[in-house]
Amino acid sequence: MRIVITPEADRDLEETALFIEMDSSSAAKRFLDAATAGFRRLSDAPRIGVRVESTNVALIGLRRWRVPGFENHLIFYRVTEESIEIVRVLHGARDIESILSGE
């Protein structure tokens, strides 16, 4: 399946990589490579992620999967007929429901 990365998810990846890079540029590259590997894994098995449980209608159909090797970072995505839409990539300690509800 084709992978579509929303502008918000792209910004999340960039901001996270820049934050990690403050400590280690190699770790920042590993994070971006791991996220890309996670996207490919989702493309191969789109329903592998856990459904996001919420009463918020905007979050219906959203799934989450961990960035491999960076388990505190979560990929939020939707499966469409022809693609995997990467909605956000967020650290698990953030107020995820509020962030996702603002979409």
PDB file of N, CA and C in Angstrom:
ATOM      1  N   MET A   1       0.838  -1.187   0.000  1.00  0.00           N
ATOM      2  CA  MET A   1       0.000   0.000   0.000  1.00  0.00           C
ATOM      3  C   MET A   1       0.884   1.253   0.000  1.00  0.00           C
ATOM      4  N   ARG A   2       0.381   2.277  -0.617  1.00  0.00           N
ATOM      5  CA  ARG A   2       1.070   3.561  -0.688  1.00  0.00           C
ATOM      6  C   ARG A   2       1.026   4.231   0.686  1.00  0.00           C
ATOM      7  N   ILE A   3       2.110   4.888   1.056  1.00  0.00           N
ATOM      8  CA  ILE A   3       2.204   5.601   2.331  1.00  0.00           C
ATOM      9  C   ILE A   3       2.051   7.092   2.065  1.00  0.00           C
ATOM     10  N   VAL A   4       1.103   7.715   2.767  1.00  0.00           N
ATOM     11  CA  VAL A   4       0.880   9.158   2.665  1.00  0.00           C
ATOM     12  C   VAL A   4       1.166   9.757   4.029  1.00  0.00           C
ATOM     13  N   ILE A   5       2.097  10.703   4.070  1.00  0.00           N
ATOM     14  CA  ILE A   5       2.458  11.359   5.334  1.00  0.00           C
ATOM     15  C   ILE A   5       1.852  12.751   5.332  1.00  0.00           C
ATOM     16  N   THR A   6       0.998  13.014   6.321  1.00  0.00           N
ATOM     17  CA  THR A   6       0.373  14.331   6.404  1.00  0.00           C
ATOM     18  C   THR A   6       1.422  15.382   6.773  1.00  0.00           C
ATOM     19  N   PRO A   7       1.149  16.642   6.470  1.00  0.00           N
ATOM     20  CA  PRO A   7       2.088  17.710   6.867  1.00  0.00           C
ATOM     21  C   PRO A   7       2.334  17.726   8.381  1.00  0.00           C
ATOM     22  N   GLU A   8       1.305  17.416   9.174  1.00  0.00           N
ATOM     23  CA  GLU A   8       1.461  17.396  10.629  1.00  0.00           C
ATOM     24  C   GLU A   8       2.428  16.294  11.048  1.00  0.00           C
ATOM     25  N   ALA A   9       2.296  15.118  10.455  1.00  0.00           N
ATOM     26  CA  ALA A   9       3.195  14.006  10.782  1.00  0.00           C
ATOM     27  C   ALA A   9       4.615  14.322  10.325  1.00  0.00           C
ATOM     28  N   ASP A  10       4.745  14.940   9.171  1.00  0.00           N
ATOM     29  CA  ASP A  10       6.063  15.332   8.672  1.00  0.00           C
ATOM     30  C   ASP A  10       6.719  16.314   9.643  1.00  0.00           C
ATOM     31  N   ARG A  11       5.936  17.263  10.133  1.00  0.00           N
ATOM     32  CA  ARG A  11       6.443  18.230  11.119  1.00  0.00           C
ATOM     33  C   ARG A  11       6.835  17.517  12.417  1.00  0.00           C
ATOM     34  N   ASP A  12       6.009  16.553  12.848  1.00  0.00           N
ATOM     35  CA  ASP A  12       6.333  15.779  14.059  1.00  0.00           C
ATOM     36  C   ASP A  12       7.679  15.080  13.914  1.00  0.00           C
ATOM     37  N   LEU A  13       7.901  14.457  12.765  1.00  0.00           N
ATOM     38  CA  LEU A  13       9.161  13.746  12.519  1.00  0.00           C
ATOM     39  C   LEU A  13      10.342  14.703  12.571  1.00  0.00           C
ATOM     40  N   GLU A  14      10.190  15.843  11.919  1.00  0.00           N
ATOM     41  CA  GLU A  14      11.266  16.832  11.883  1.00  0.00           C
ATOM     42  C   GLU A  14      11.567  17.375  13.279  1.00  0.00           C
ATOM     43  N   GLU A  15      10.531  17.736  14.026  1.00  0.00           N
ATOM     44  CA  GLU A  15      10.728  18.287  15.368  1.00  0.00           C
ATOM     45  C   GLU A  15      11.354  17.264  16.306  1.00  0.00           C
ATOM     46  N   THR A  16      10.906  16.010  16.210  1.00  0.00           N
ATOM     47  CA  THR A  16      11.461  14.970  17.072  1.00  0.00           C
ATOM     48  C   THR A  16      12.920  14.711  16.730  1.00  0.00           C
ATOM     49  N   ALA A  17      13.227  14.631  15.446  1.00  0.00           N
ATOM     50  CA  ALA A  17      14.613  14.410  15.033  1.00  0.00           C
ATOM     51  C   ALA A  17      15.512  15.555  15.507  1.00  0.00           C
ATOM     52  N   LEU A  18      15.033  16.785  15.407  1.00  0.00           N
ATOM     53  CA  LEU A  18      15.828  17.933  15.871  1.00  0.00           C
ATOM     54  C   LEU A  18      16.052  17.877  17.383  1.00  0.00           C
ATOM     55  N   PHE A  19      15.033  17.450  18.124  1.00  0.00           N
ATOM     56  CA  PHE A  19      15.158  17.320  19.575  1.00  0.00           C
ATOM     57  C   PHE A  19      16.183  16.242  19.923  1.00  0.00           C
ATOM     58  N   ILE A  20      16.081  15.090  19.273  1.00  0.00           N
ATOM     59  CA  ILE A  20      17.021  13.993  19.530  1.00  0.00           C
ATOM     60  C   ILE A  20      18.438  14.397  19.125  1.00  0.00           C
ATOM     61  N   GLU A  21      18.538  15.154  18.042  1.00  0.00           N
ATOM     62  CA  GLU A  21      19.839  15.567  17.517  1.00  0.00           C
ATOM     63  C   GLU A  21      20.616  16.439  18.507  1.00  0.00           C
ATOM     64  N   MET A  22      19.911  17.099  19.425  1.00  0.00           N
ATOM     65  CA  MET A  22      20.603  17.913  20.429  1.00  0.00           C
ATOM     66  C   MET A  22      21.546  17.049  21.263  1.00  0.00           C
ATOM     67  N   ASP A  23      21.213  15.762  21.416  1.00  0.00           N
ATOM     68  CA  ASP A  23      22.076  14.830  22.145  1.00  0.00           C
ATOM     69  C   ASP A  23      22.950  14.003  21.217  1.00  0.00           C
ATOM     70  N   SER A  24      22.377  13.611  20.057  1.00  0.00           N
ATOM     71  CA  SER A  24      23.122  12.712  19.181  1.00  0.00           C
ATOM     72  C   SER A  24      22.575  12.763  17.757  1.00  0.00           C
ATOM     73  N   SER A  25      23.424  13.182  16.830  1.00  0.00           N
ATOM     74  CA  SER A  25      22.965  13.226  15.436  1.00  0.00           C
ATOM     75  C   SER A  25      22.750  11.821  14.886  1.00  0.00           C
ATOM     76  N   SER A  26      23.531  10.854  15.342  1.00  0.00           N
ATOM     77  CA  SER A  26      23.334   9.479  14.861  1.00  0.00           C
ATOM     78  C   SER A  26      22.015   8.906  15.386  1.00  0.00           C
ATOM     79  N   ALA A  27      21.641   9.258  16.608  1.00  0.00           N
ATOM     80  CA  ALA A  27      20.359   8.790  17.147  1.00  0.00           C
ATOM     81  C   ALA A  27      19.196   9.425  16.392  1.00  0.00           C
ATOM     82  N   ALA A  28      19.340  10.673  15.999  1.00  0.00           N
ATOM     83  CA  ALA A  28      18.286  11.342  15.221  1.00  0.00           C
ATOM     84  C   ALA A  28      18.099  10.641  13.884  1.00  0.00           C
ATOM     85  N   LYS A  29      19.202  10.267  13.240  1.00  0.00           N
ATOM     86  CA  LYS A  29      19.106   9.541  11.972  1.00  0.00           C
ATOM     87  C   LYS A  29      18.478   8.169  12.190  1.00  0.00           C
ATOM     88  N   ARG A  30      18.867   7.496  13.269  1.00  0.00           N
ATOM     89  CA  ARG A  30      18.267   6.186  13.592  1.00  0.00           C
ATOM     90  C   ARG A  30      16.761   6.318  13.803  1.00  0.00           C
ATOM     91  N   PHE A  31      16.336   7.413  14.457  1.00  0.00           N
ATOM     92  CA  PHE A  31      14.901   7.634  14.667  1.00  0.00           C
ATOM     93  C   PHE A  31      14.169   7.761  13.336  1.00  0.00           C
ATOM     94  N   LEU A  32      14.692   8.585  12.449  1.00  0.00           N
ATOM     95  CA  LEU A  32      14.032   8.775  11.142  1.00  0.00           C
ATOM     96  C   LEU A  32      14.020   7.474  10.337  1.00  0.00           C
ATOM     97  N   ASP A  33      15.118   6.722  10.380  1.00  0.00           N
ATOM     98  CA  ASP A  33      15.170   5.430   9.688  1.00  0.00           C
ATOM     99  C   ASP A  33      14.170   4.445  10.296  1.00  0.00           C
ATOM    100  N   ALA A  34      14.063   4.456  11.627  1.00  0.00           N
ATOM    101  CA  ALA A  34      13.128   3.556  12.306  1.00  0.00           C
ATOM    102  C   ALA A  34      11.684   3.916  11.978  1.00  0.00           C
ATOM    103  N   ALA A  35      11.382   5.208  11.926  1.00  0.00           N
ATOM    104  CA  ALA A  35      10.023   5.631  11.570  1.00  0.00           C
ATOM    105  C   ALA A  35       9.691   5.177  10.153  1.00  0.00           C
ATOM    106  N   THR A  36      10.627   5.340   9.230  1.00  0.00           N
ATOM    107  CA  THR A  36      10.420   4.896   7.849  1.00  0.00           C
ATOM    108  C   THR A  36      10.207   3.386   7.800  1.00  0.00           C
ATOM    109  N   ALA A  37      10.986   2.641   8.571  1.00  0.00           N
ATOM    110  CA  ALA A  37      10.809   1.185   8.636  1.00  0.00           C
ATOM    111  C   ALA A  37       9.431   0.840   9.202  1.00  0.00           C
ATOM    112  N   GLY A  38       8.995   1.597  10.203  1.00  0.00           N
ATOM    113  CA  GLY A  38       7.655   1.385  10.769  1.00  0.00           C
ATOM    114  C   GLY A  38       6.561   1.630   9.743  1.00  0.00           C
ATOM    115  N   PHE A  39       6.726   2.672   8.948  1.00  0.00           N
ATOM    116  CA  PHE A  39       5.747   2.971   7.891  1.00  0.00           C
ATOM    117  C   PHE A  39       5.679   1.823   6.887  1.00  0.00           C
ATOM    118  N   ARG A  40       6.864   1.308   6.499  1.00  0.00           N
ATOM    119  CA  ARG A  40       6.893   0.184   5.548  1.00  0.00           C
ATOM    120  C   ARG A  40       6.219  -1.046   6.141  1.00  0.00           C
ATOM    121  N   ARG A  41       6.448  -1.290   7.434  1.00  0.00           N
ATOM    122  CA  ARG A  41       5.813  -2.437   8.110  1.00  0.00           C
ATOM    123  C   ARG A  41       4.295  -2.283   8.085  1.00  0.00           C
ATOM    124  N   LEU A  42       3.821  -1.087   8.333  1.00  0.00           N
ATOM    125  CA  LEU A  42       2.380  -0.829   8.295  1.00  0.00           C
ATOM    126  C   LEU A  42       1.840  -1.000   6.881  1.00  0.00           C
ATOM    127  N   SER A  43       2.628  -0.648   5.901  1.00  0.00           N
ATOM    128  CA  SER A  43       2.212  -0.817   4.509  1.00  0.00           C
ATOM    129  C   SER A  43       2.031  -2.298   4.180  1.00  0.00           C
ATOM    130  N   ASP A  44       2.896  -3.143   4.760  1.00  0.00           N
ATOM    131  CA  ASP A  44       2.810  -4.591   4.538  1.00  0.00           C
ATOM    132  C   ASP A  44       1.674  -5.239   5.325  1.00  0.00           C
ATOM    133  N   ALA A  45       1.389  -4.705   6.507  1.00  0.00           N
ATOM    134  CA  ALA A  45       0.350  -5.278   7.388  1.00  0.00           C
ATOM    135  C   ALA A  45      -0.440  -4.132   8.010  1.00  0.00           C
ATOM    136  N   PRO A  46      -1.321  -3.502   7.249  1.00  0.00           N
ATOM    137  CA  PRO A  46      -1.975  -2.266   7.692  1.00  0.00           C
ATOM    138  C   PRO A  46      -2.807  -2.368   8.971  1.00  0.00           C
ATOM    139  N   ARG A  47      -3.320  -3.513   9.279  1.00  0.00           N
ATOM    140  CA  ARG A  47      -4.189  -3.620  10.456  1.00  0.00           C
ATOM    141  C   ARG A  47      -3.447  -4.117  11.697  1.00  0.00           C
ATOM    142  N   ILE A  48      -2.119  -4.102  11.633  1.00  0.00           N
ATOM    143  CA  ILE A  48      -1.316  -4.584  12.746  1.00  0.00           C
ATOM    144  C   ILE A  48      -1.415  -3.668  13.971  1.00  0.00           C
ATOM    145  N   GLY A  49      -1.633  -2.397  13.743  1.00  0.00           N
ATOM    146  CA  GLY A  49      -1.705  -1.438  14.844  1.00  0.00           C
ATOM    147  C   GLY A  49      -2.979  -1.579  15.659  1.00  0.00           C
ATOM    148  N   VAL A  50      -2.911  -1.096  16.872  1.00  0.00           N
ATOM    149  CA  VAL A  50      -4.035  -1.120  17.804  1.00  0.00           C
ATOM    150  C   VAL A  50      -4.975   0.034  17.490  1.00  0.00           C
ATOM    151  N   ARG A  51      -6.262  -0.230  17.511  1.00  0.00           N
ATOM    152  CA  ARG A  51      -7.237   0.853  17.304  1.00  0.00           C
ATOM    153  C   ARG A  51      -7.192   1.821  18.473  1.00  0.00           C
ATOM    154  N   VAL A  52      -7.300   3.092  18.165  1.00  0.00           N
ATOM    155  CA  VAL A  52      -7.356   4.131  19.191  1.00  0.00           C
ATOM    156  C   VAL A  52      -8.768   4.137  19.750  1.00  0.00           C
ATOM    157  N   GLU A  53      -8.873   3.941  21.051  1.00  0.00           N
ATOM    158  CA  GLU A  53     -10.175   3.936  21.713  1.00  0.00           C
ATOM    159  C   GLU A  53     -10.528   5.357  22.130  1.00  0.00           C
ATOM    160  N   SER A  54     -11.641   5.844  21.638  1.00  0.00           N
ATOM    161  CA  SER A  54     -12.067   7.198  21.973  1.00  0.00           C
ATOM    162  C   SER A  54     -13.537   7.361  21.619  1.00  0.00           C
ATOM    163  N   THR A  55     -14.195   8.243  22.326  1.00  0.00           N
ATOM    164  CA  THR A  55     -15.578   8.581  21.983  1.00  0.00           C
ATOM    165  C   THR A  55     -15.617   9.740  20.993  1.00  0.00           C
ATOM    166  N   ASN A  56     -14.474  10.306  20.699  1.00  0.00           N
ATOM    167  CA  ASN A  56     -14.369  11.419  19.762  1.00  0.00           C
ATOM    168  C   ASN A  56     -14.544  10.898  18.336  1.00  0.00           C
ATOM    169  N   VAL A  57     -15.527  11.392  17.641  1.00  0.00           N
ATOM    170  CA  VAL A  57     -15.839  10.947  16.276  1.00  0.00           C
ATOM    171  C   VAL A  57     -14.659  11.170  15.339  1.00  0.00           C
ATOM    172  N   ALA A  58     -13.874  12.222  15.557  1.00  0.00           N
ATOM    173  CA  ALA A  58     -12.736  12.531  14.687  1.00  0.00           C
ATOM    174  C   ALA A  58     -11.648  11.463  14.758  1.00  0.00           C
ATOM    175  N   LEU A  59     -11.654  10.670  15.809  1.00  0.00           N
ATOM    176  CA  LEU A  59     -10.607   9.665  15.989  1.00  0.00           C
ATOM    177  C   LEU A  59     -11.031   8.268  15.550  1.00  0.00           C
ATOM    178  N   ILE A  60     -12.255   8.121  15.072  1.00  0.00           N
ATOM    179  CA  ILE A  60     -12.731   6.815  14.616  1.00  0.00           C
ATOM    180  C   ILE A  60     -11.883   6.344  13.444  1.00  0.00           C
ATOM    181  N   GLY A  61     -11.453   5.104  13.517  1.00  0.00           N
ATOM    182  CA  GLY A  61     -10.654   4.513  12.461  1.00  0.00           C
ATOM    183  C   GLY A  61      -9.161   4.738  12.605  1.00  0.00           C
ATOM    184  N   LEU A  62      -8.768   5.497  13.603  1.00  0.00           N
ATOM    185  CA  LEU A  62      -7.351   5.769  13.816  1.00  0.00           C
ATOM    186  C   LEU A  62      -6.704   4.579  14.528  1.00  0.00           C
ATOM    187  N   ARG A  63      -5.490   4.249  14.121  1.00  0.00           N
ATOM    188  CA  ARG A  63      -4.728   3.169  14.731  1.00  0.00           C
ATOM    189  C   ARG A  63      -3.382   3.717  15.183  1.00  0.00           C
ATOM    190  N   ARG A  64      -2.704   2.955  16.058  1.00  0.00           N
ATOM    191  CA  ARG A  64      -1.373   3.369  16.506  1.00  0.00           C
ATOM    192  C   ARG A  64      -0.414   2.178  16.461  1.00  0.00           C
ATOM    193  N   TRP A  65       0.850   2.496  16.237  1.00  0.00           N
ATOM    194  CA  TRP A  65       1.913   1.507  16.183  1.00  0.00           C
ATOM    195  C   TRP A  65       3.181   2.190  16.677  1.00  0.00           C
ATOM    196  N   ARG A  66       4.006   1.475  17.370  1.00  0.00           N
ATOM    197  CA  ARG A  66       5.232   2.060  17.923  1.00  0.00           C
ATOM    198  C   ARG A  66       6.327   2.174  16.856  1.00  0.00           C
ATOM    199  N   VAL A  67       7.126   3.228  16.977  1.00  0.00           N
ATOM    200  CA  VAL A  67       8.295   3.359  16.110  1.00  0.00           C
ATOM    201  C   VAL A  67       9.298   2.307  16.588  1.00  0.00           C
ATOM    202  N   PRO A  68       9.720   1.382  15.726  1.00  0.00           N
ATOM    203  CA  PRO A  68      10.636   0.319  16.154  1.00  0.00           C
ATOM    204  C   PRO A  68      11.931   0.876  16.741  1.00  0.00           C
ATOM    205  N   GLY A  69      12.265   0.408  17.951  1.00  0.00           N
ATOM    206  CA  GLY A  69      13.480   0.874  18.609  1.00  0.00           C
ATOM    207  C   GLY A  69      13.310   2.183  19.363  1.00  0.00           C
ATOM    208  N   PHE A  70      12.187   2.835  19.174  1.00  0.00           N
ATOM    209  CA  PHE A  70      11.851   4.088  19.867  1.00  0.00           C
ATOM    210  C   PHE A  70      10.429   3.933  20.390  1.00  0.00           C
ATOM    211  N   GLU A  71      10.228   2.946  21.257  1.00  0.00           N
ATOM    212  CA  GLU A  71       8.895   2.523  21.652  1.00  0.00           C
ATOM    213  C   GLU A  71       8.043   3.583  22.330  1.00  0.00           C
ATOM    214  N   ASN A  72       8.656   4.667  22.814  1.00  0.00           N
ATOM    215  CA  ASN A  72       7.868   5.760  23.395  1.00  0.00           C
ATOM    216  C   ASN A  72       7.266   6.670  22.329  1.00  0.00           C
ATOM    217  N   HIS A  73       7.650   6.474  21.090  1.00  0.00           N
ATOM    218  CA  HIS A  73       7.129   7.273  19.987  1.00  0.00           C
ATOM    219  C   HIS A  73       6.112   6.453  19.215  1.00  0.00           C
ATOM    220  N   LEU A  74       4.954   7.037  19.010  1.00  0.00           N
ATOM    221  CA  LEU A  74       3.831   6.321  18.407  1.00  0.00           C
ATOM    222  C   LEU A  74       3.466   6.902  17.051  1.00  0.00           C
ATOM    223  N   ILE A  75       3.197   6.005  16.124  1.00  0.00           N
ATOM    224  CA  ILE A  75       2.719   6.377  14.796  1.00  0.00           C
ATOM    225  C   ILE A  75       1.202   6.258  14.827  1.00  0.00           C
ATOM    226  N   PHE A  76       0.506   7.322  14.517  1.00  0.00           N
ATOM    227  CA  PHE A  76      -0.956   7.299  14.415  1.00  0.00           C
ATOM    228  C   PHE A  76      -1.304   7.353  12.936  1.00  0.00           C
ATOM    229  N   TYR A  77      -2.157   6.424  12.509  1.00  0.00           N
ATOM    230  CA  TYR A  77      -2.434   6.302  11.079  1.00  0.00           C
ATOM    231  C   TYR A  77      -3.845   5.815  10.816  1.00  0.00           C
ATOM    232  N   ARG A  78      -4.266   6.006   9.576  1.00  0.00           N
ATOM    233  CA  ARG A  78      -5.553   5.504   9.085  1.00  0.00           C
ATOM    234  C   ARG A  78      -5.289   4.641   7.860  1.00  0.00           C
ATOM    235  N   VAL A  79      -6.096   3.615   7.723  1.00  0.00           N
ATOM    236  CA  VAL A  79      -6.021   2.758   6.546  1.00  0.00           C
ATOM    237  C   VAL A  79      -7.147   3.170   5.606  1.00  0.00           C
ATOM    238  N   THR A  80      -6.790   3.487   4.365  1.00  0.00           N
ATOM    239  CA  THR A  80      -7.793   3.763   3.350  1.00  0.00           C
ATOM    240  C   THR A  80      -7.739   2.622   2.336  1.00  0.00           C
ATOM    241  N   GLU A  81      -8.585   2.680   1.342  1.00  0.00           N
ATOM    242  CA  GLU A  81      -8.596   1.607   0.354  1.00  0.00           C
ATOM    243  C   GLU A  81      -7.274   1.496  -0.393  1.00  0.00           C
ATOM    244  N   GLU A  82      -6.623   2.624  -0.636  1.00  0.00           N
ATOM    245  CA  GLU A  82      -5.402   2.579  -1.434  1.00  0.00           C
ATOM    246  C   GLU A  82      -4.142   3.030  -0.713  1.00  0.00           C
ATOM    247  N   SER A  83      -4.254   3.427   0.565  1.00  0.00           N
ATOM    248  CA  SER A  83      -3.052   3.940   1.224  1.00  0.00           C
ATOM    249  C   SER A  83      -3.105   3.795   2.744  1.00  0.00           C
ATOM    250  N   ILE A  84      -1.938   4.019   3.322  1.00  0.00           N
ATOM    251  CA  ILE A  84      -1.782   4.187   4.766  1.00  0.00           C
ATOM    252  C   ILE A  84      -1.511   5.669   4.959  1.00  0.00           C
ATOM    253  N   GLU A  85      -2.394   6.350   5.676  1.00  0.00           N
ATOM    254  CA  GLU A  85      -2.216   7.780   5.924  1.00  0.00           C
ATOM    255  C   GLU A  85      -1.596   7.950   7.312  1.00  0.00           C
ATOM    256  N   ILE A  86      -0.361   8.418   7.345  1.00  0.00           N
ATOM    257  CA  ILE A  86       0.323   8.689   8.610  1.00  0.00           C
ATOM    258  C   ILE A  86      -0.168  10.055   9.084  1.00  0.00           C
ATOM    259  N   VAL A  87      -0.938  10.037  10.173  1.00  0.00           N
ATOM    260  CA  VAL A  87      -1.601  11.250  10.666  1.00  0.00           C
ATOM    261  C   VAL A  87      -0.681  12.047  11.584  1.00  0.00           C
ATOM    262  N   ARG A  88      -0.051  11.378  12.539  1.00  0.00           N
ATOM    263  CA  ARG A  88       0.860  12.032  13.480  1.00  0.00           C
ATOM    264  C   ARG A  88       1.890  11.014  13.946  1.00  0.00           C
ATOM    265  N   VAL A  89       3.015  11.506  14.442  1.00  0.00           N
ATOM    266  CA  VAL A  89       4.040  10.695  15.099  1.00  0.00           C
ATOM    267  C   VAL A  89       4.371  11.432  16.389  1.00  0.00           C
ATOM    268  N   LEU A  90       3.920  10.881  17.523  1.00  0.00           N
ATOM    269  CA  LEU A  90       3.971  11.604  18.793  1.00  0.00           C
ATOM    270  C   LEU A  90       4.632  10.781  19.891  1.00  0.00           C
ATOM    271  N   HIS A  91       5.258  11.477  20.822  1.00  0.00           N
ATOM    272  CA  HIS A  91       5.795  10.818  22.011  1.00  0.00           C
ATOM    273  C   HIS A  91       4.631  10.417  22.901  1.00  0.00           C
ATOM    274  N   GLY A  92       4.696   9.229  23.466  1.00  0.00           N
ATOM    275  CA  GLY A  92       3.609   8.694  24.279  1.00  0.00           C
ATOM    276  C   GLY A  92       3.311   9.474  25.541  1.00  0.00           C
ATOM    277  N   ALA A  93       4.236  10.309  26.006  1.00  0.00           N
ATOM    278  CA  ALA A  93       4.013  11.082  27.230  1.00  0.00           C
ATOM    279  C   ALA A  93       3.197  12.350  26.988  1.00  0.00           C
ATOM    280  N   ARG A  94       2.968  12.674  25.740  1.00  0.00           N
ATOM    281  CA  ARG A  94       2.204  13.888  25.434  1.00  0.00           C
ATOM    282  C   ARG A  94       0.704  13.652  25.641  1.00  0.00           C
ATOM    283  N   ASP A  95      -0.067  14.725  25.666  1.00  0.00           N
ATOM    284  CA  ASP A  95      -1.526  14.627  25.788  1.00  0.00           C
ATOM    285  C   ASP A  95      -2.082  14.273  24.404  1.00  0.00           C
ATOM    286  N   ILE A  96      -1.991  13.011  24.094  1.00  0.00           N
ATOM    287  CA  ILE A  96      -2.284  12.533  22.743  1.00  0.00           C
ATOM    288  C   ILE A  96      -3.733  12.801  22.342  1.00  0.00           C
ATOM    289  N   GLU A  97      -4.666  12.517  23.209  1.00  0.00           N
ATOM    290  CA  GLU A  97      -6.074  12.714  22.856  1.00  0.00           C
ATOM    291  C   GLU A  97      -6.344  14.170  22.500  1.00  0.00           C
ATOM    292  N   SER A  98      -5.803  15.101  23.282  1.00  0.00           N
ATOM    293  CA  SER A  98      -6.014  16.528  22.965  1.00  0.00           C
ATOM    294  C   SER A  98      -5.379  16.909  21.644  1.00  0.00           C
ATOM    295  N   ILE A  99      -4.167  16.408  21.405  1.00  0.00           N
ATOM    296  CA  ILE A  99      -3.479  16.727  20.156  1.00  0.00           C
ATOM    297  C   ILE A  99      -4.252  16.172  18.969  1.00  0.00           C
ATOM    298  N   LEU A 100      -4.656  14.909  19.056  1.00  0.00           N
ATOM    299  CA  LEU A 100      -5.369  14.282  17.952  1.00  0.00           C
ATOM    300  C   LEU A 100      -6.770  14.876  17.752  1.00  0.00           C
ATOM    301  N   SER A 101      -7.385  15.296  18.834  1.00  0.00           N
ATOM    302  CA  SER A 101      -8.718  15.898  18.744  1.00  0.00           C
ATOM    303  C   SER A 101      -8.683  17.244  18.024  1.00  0.00           C
ATOM    304  N   GLY A 102      -7.528  17.889  18.066  1.00  0.00           N
ATOM    305  CA  GLY A 102      -7.374  19.174  17.410  1.00  0.00           C
ATOM    306  C   GLY A 102      -7.204  19.067  15.908  1.00  0.00           C
ATOM    307  N   GLU A 103      -7.105  17.849  15.407  1.00  0.00           N
ATOM    308  CA  GLU A 103      -6.912  17.643  13.966  1.00  0.00           C
ATOM    309  C   GLU A 103      -8.143  18.059  13.194  1.00  0.00           C
TER     310      GLU A 103
END
